[in-house]
Amino acid sequence: MSRKVKSVRVPKELESLDLSGMIHECESYLRDLESATLLKSQGNKDAAEALIKTRENDLGRKIGRMVYKARVEYGRTRDE
């Protein structure tokens, strides 16, 4: 999987955001989607749906935490 990014425009408040970490979390989510697809194709639809629901909540929480930390860091540097 290619990891090249040509250009990203990030608001000043989020310039310390860990973009590599965010991409890593999205890669993990994609692997879980593949696992869920495999589970569903094997006839285990309930397990596939549970995996997706759990992983979506986890992904949202982790991304939200990254954004929050970047915003806090911006607040610290602005106040100095």
N, C-alpha and C. Protein backbone atom coordinates (compact mmCIF):
# COMPACT_ATOMS: atom_id res chain seq x y z
N MET A 1 0.84 -1.17 0.00
CA MET A 1 0.00 0.00 0.00
C MET A 1 0.89 1.24 0.00
N SER A 2 0.64 2.14 -0.91
CA SER A 2 1.42 3.35 -1.02
C SER A 2 1.10 4.32 0.11
N ARG A 3 2.11 4.97 0.64
CA ARG A 3 1.92 5.89 1.76
C ARG A 3 2.26 7.32 1.37
N LYS A 4 2.32 7.64 0.10
CA LYS A 4 2.69 8.97 -0.35
C LYS A 4 1.49 9.91 -0.28
N VAL A 5 1.76 11.10 0.20
CA VAL A 5 0.75 12.14 0.25
C VAL A 5 1.37 13.37 -0.37
N LYS A 6 0.75 13.90 -1.41
CA LYS A 6 1.30 15.06 -2.09
C LYS A 6 1.07 16.35 -1.30
N SER A 7 -0.16 16.55 -0.86
CA SER A 7 -0.47 17.80 -0.20
C SER A 7 -1.65 17.60 0.74
N VAL A 8 -1.52 18.16 1.91
CA VAL A 8 -2.61 18.10 2.87
C VAL A 8 -2.75 19.49 3.47
N ARG A 9 -3.96 20.03 3.45
CA ARG A 9 -4.21 21.32 4.08
C ARG A 9 -4.89 21.08 5.41
N VAL A 10 -4.22 21.51 6.44
CA VAL A 10 -4.70 21.27 7.80
C VAL A 10 -4.89 22.62 8.47
N PRO A 11 -6.01 22.82 9.16
CA PRO A 11 -6.19 24.08 9.89
C PRO A 11 -5.08 24.29 10.90
N LYS A 12 -4.79 25.54 11.19
CA LYS A 12 -3.72 25.89 12.13
C LYS A 12 -3.88 25.16 13.46
N GLU A 13 -5.12 24.98 13.90
CA GLU A 13 -5.40 24.33 15.18
C GLU A 13 -4.96 22.87 15.20
N LEU A 14 -4.86 22.25 14.03
CA LEU A 14 -4.56 20.82 13.96
C LEU A 14 -3.21 20.52 13.31
N GLU A 15 -2.32 21.49 13.26
CA GLU A 15 -1.06 21.25 12.57
C GLU A 15 -0.17 20.23 13.29
N SER A 16 -0.40 19.98 14.58
CA SER A 16 0.38 18.96 15.27
C SER A 16 -0.30 17.59 15.25
N LEU A 17 -1.34 17.46 14.45
CA LEU A 17 -2.08 16.19 14.34
C LEU A 17 -1.18 15.10 13.77
N ASP A 18 -1.25 13.93 14.36
CA ASP A 18 -0.45 12.78 13.94
C ASP A 18 -1.12 12.12 12.73
N LEU A 19 -0.81 12.61 11.54
CA LEU A 19 -1.44 12.08 10.32
C LEU A 19 -1.01 10.64 10.05
N SER A 20 0.23 10.31 10.35
CA SER A 20 0.69 8.93 10.14
C SER A 20 -0.08 7.97 11.04
N GLY A 21 -0.31 8.38 12.28
CA GLY A 21 -1.09 7.55 13.21
C GLY A 21 -2.52 7.39 12.74
N MET A 22 -3.07 8.46 12.18
CA MET A 22 -4.44 8.41 11.67
C MET A 22 -4.54 7.44 10.49
N ILE A 23 -3.57 7.50 9.61
CA ILE A 23 -3.55 6.59 8.46
C ILE A 23 -3.40 5.15 8.94
N HIS A 24 -2.56 4.94 9.94
CA HIS A 24 -2.38 3.59 10.50
C HIS A 24 -3.70 3.05 11.05
N GLU A 25 -4.44 3.88 11.77
CA GLU A 25 -5.74 3.45 12.31
C GLU A 25 -6.71 3.10 11.18
N CYS A 26 -6.69 3.87 10.10
CA CYS A 26 -7.56 3.58 8.96
C CYS A 26 -7.16 2.28 8.27
N GLU A 27 -5.86 2.00 8.20
CA GLU A 27 -5.39 0.73 7.63
C GLU A 27 -5.90 -0.44 8.46
N SER A 28 -5.84 -0.29 9.78
CA SER A 28 -6.34 -1.36 10.66
C SER A 28 -7.83 -1.57 10.44
N TYR A 29 -8.55 -0.48 10.27
CA TYR A 29 -9.99 -0.55 10.04
C TYR A 29 -10.28 -1.30 8.73
N LEU A 30 -9.49 -1.01 7.70
CA LEU A 30 -9.69 -1.71 6.41
C LEU A 30 -9.44 -3.21 6.55
N ARG A 31 -8.44 -3.59 7.33
CA ARG A 31 -8.19 -5.02 7.55
C ARG A 31 -9.38 -5.67 8.26
N ASP A 32 -9.96 -4.94 9.23
CA ASP A 32 -11.13 -5.48 9.92
C ASP A 32 -12.33 -5.58 8.99
N LEU A 33 -12.46 -4.66 8.05
CA LEU A 33 -13.54 -4.75 7.07
C LEU A 33 -13.37 -6.01 6.21
N GLU A 34 -12.13 -6.30 5.84
CA GLU A 34 -11.87 -7.52 5.08
C GLU A 34 -12.22 -8.76 5.90
N SER A 35 -11.87 -8.73 7.17
CA SER A 35 -12.20 -9.86 8.05
C SER A 35 -13.72 -10.03 8.17
N ALA A 36 -14.42 -8.91 8.29
CA ALA A 36 -15.87 -8.96 8.39
C ALA A 36 -16.49 -9.52 7.11
N THR A 37 -15.93 -9.14 5.98
CA THR A 37 -16.42 -9.66 4.70
C THR A 37 -16.22 -11.17 4.64
N LEU A 38 -15.09 -11.63 5.10
CA LEU A 38 -14.81 -13.07 5.12
C LEU A 38 -15.77 -13.79 6.06
N LEU A 39 -15.99 -13.23 7.24
CA LEU A 39 -16.95 -13.83 8.18
C LEU A 39 -18.35 -13.92 7.56
N LYS A 40 -18.75 -12.85 6.90
CA LYS A 40 -20.09 -12.82 6.30
C LYS A 40 -20.20 -13.85 5.18
N SER A 41 -19.13 -13.98 4.37
CA SER A 41 -19.18 -14.95 3.27
C SER A 41 -19.19 -16.39 3.80
N GLN A 42 -18.69 -16.60 5.02
CA GLN A 42 -18.71 -17.93 5.63
C GLN A 42 -20.02 -18.19 6.36
N GLY A 43 -20.94 -17.24 6.31
CA GLY A 43 -22.25 -17.43 6.91
C GLY A 43 -22.39 -16.93 8.33
N ASN A 44 -21.41 -16.21 8.83
CA ASN A 44 -21.46 -15.70 10.20
C ASN A 44 -21.75 -14.20 10.17
N LYS A 45 -22.95 -13.87 9.74
CA LYS A 45 -23.35 -12.46 9.55
C LYS A 45 -23.36 -11.69 10.87
N ASP A 46 -23.82 -12.29 11.96
CA ASP A 46 -23.89 -11.60 13.25
C ASP A 46 -22.50 -11.20 13.74
N ALA A 47 -21.53 -12.10 13.61
CA ALA A 47 -20.16 -11.79 14.03
C ALA A 47 -19.57 -10.69 13.17
N ALA A 48 -19.86 -10.70 11.87
CA ALA A 48 -19.35 -9.67 10.97
C ALA A 48 -19.91 -8.30 11.35
N GLU A 49 -21.20 -8.24 11.62
CA GLU A 49 -21.82 -6.96 12.00
C GLU A 49 -21.29 -6.47 13.35
N ALA A 50 -21.08 -7.39 14.29
CA ALA A 50 -20.54 -7.01 15.61
C ALA A 50 -19.12 -6.46 15.46
N LEU A 51 -18.32 -7.09 14.61
CA LEU A 51 -16.95 -6.63 14.39
C LEU A 51 -16.95 -5.22 13.79
N ILE A 52 -17.78 -5.00 12.80
CA ILE A 52 -17.84 -3.68 12.16
C ILE A 52 -18.29 -2.61 13.15
N LYS A 53 -19.35 -2.89 13.89
CA LYS A 53 -19.87 -1.90 14.83
C LYS A 53 -18.84 -1.56 15.90
N THR A 54 -18.18 -2.57 16.44
CA THR A 54 -17.16 -2.35 17.48
C THR A 54 -15.99 -1.56 16.92
N ARG A 55 -15.54 -1.94 15.74
CA ARG A 55 -14.37 -1.27 15.14
C ARG A 55 -14.68 0.17 14.75
N GLU A 56 -15.90 0.45 14.28
CA GLU A 56 -16.27 1.83 13.94
C GLU A 56 -16.24 2.71 15.18
N ASN A 57 -16.77 2.21 16.29
CA ASN A 57 -16.75 2.98 17.53
C ASN A 57 -15.32 3.23 17.99
N ASP A 58 -14.48 2.19 17.90
CA ASP A 58 -13.09 2.30 18.31
C ASP A 58 -12.34 3.30 17.43
N LEU A 59 -12.56 3.23 16.13
CA LEU A 59 -11.90 4.14 15.20
C LEU A 59 -12.30 5.58 15.48
N GLY A 60 -13.60 5.81 15.66
CA GLY A 60 -14.07 7.16 15.95
C GLY A 60 -13.49 7.71 17.24
N ARG A 61 -13.39 6.88 18.24
CA ARG A 61 -12.83 7.31 19.53
C ARG A 61 -11.34 7.65 19.38
N LYS A 62 -10.59 6.82 18.66
CA LYS A 62 -9.16 7.06 18.50
C LYS A 62 -8.88 8.31 17.67
N ILE A 63 -9.62 8.49 16.59
CA ILE A 63 -9.44 9.68 15.75
C ILE A 63 -9.84 10.93 16.53
N GLY A 64 -10.93 10.84 17.26
CA GLY A 64 -11.37 11.97 18.09
C GLY A 64 -10.32 12.35 19.12
N ARG A 65 -9.69 11.37 19.72
CA ARG A 65 -8.64 11.62 20.71
C ARG A 65 -7.45 12.31 20.06
N MET A 66 -7.08 11.88 18.84
CA MET A 66 -5.96 12.51 18.13
C MET A 66 -6.25 13.98 17.83
N VAL A 67 -7.47 14.26 17.39
CA VAL A 67 -7.86 15.63 17.08
C VAL A 67 -7.87 16.47 18.36
N TYR A 68 -8.38 15.91 19.44
CA TYR A 68 -8.43 16.62 20.71
C TYR A 68 -7.02 16.97 21.20
N LYS A 69 -6.09 16.01 21.12
CA LYS A 69 -4.72 16.26 21.56
C LYS A 69 -4.06 17.35 20.72
N ALA A 70 -4.30 17.34 19.41
CA ALA A 70 -3.73 18.38 18.54
C ALA A 70 -4.30 19.75 18.91
N ARG A 71 -5.59 19.80 19.22
CA ARG A 71 -6.21 21.07 19.58
C ARG A 71 -5.67 21.57 20.92
N VAL A 72 -5.46 20.69 21.87
CA VAL A 72 -4.89 21.07 23.17
C VAL A 72 -3.47 21.60 22.98
N GLU A 73 -2.69 20.94 22.15
CA GLU A 73 -1.32 21.38 21.88
C GLU A 73 -1.32 22.77 21.25
N TYR A 74 -2.25 23.03 20.35
CA TYR A 74 -2.37 24.35 19.75
C TYR A 74 -2.67 25.40 20.80
N GLY A 75 -3.58 25.07 21.73
CA GLY A 75 -3.92 25.99 22.81
C GLY A 75 -2.72 26.30 23.69
N ARG A 76 -1.90 25.31 23.96
CA ARG A 76 -0.70 25.53 24.78
C ARG A 76 0.29 26.46 24.07
N THR A 77 0.54 26.21 22.80
CA THR A 77 1.52 27.03 22.07
C THR A 77 1.00 28.45 21.84
N ARG A 78 -0.29 28.60 21.70
CA ARG A 78 -0.87 29.93 21.48
C ARG A 78 -0.79 30.79 22.73
N ASP A 79 -0.92 30.15 23.89
CA ASP A 79 -0.90 30.88 25.15
C ASP A 79 0.50 31.28 25.58
N GLU A 80 1.53 30.66 25.02
CA GLU A 80 2.90 30.95 25.44
C GLU A 80 3.42 32.23 24.90
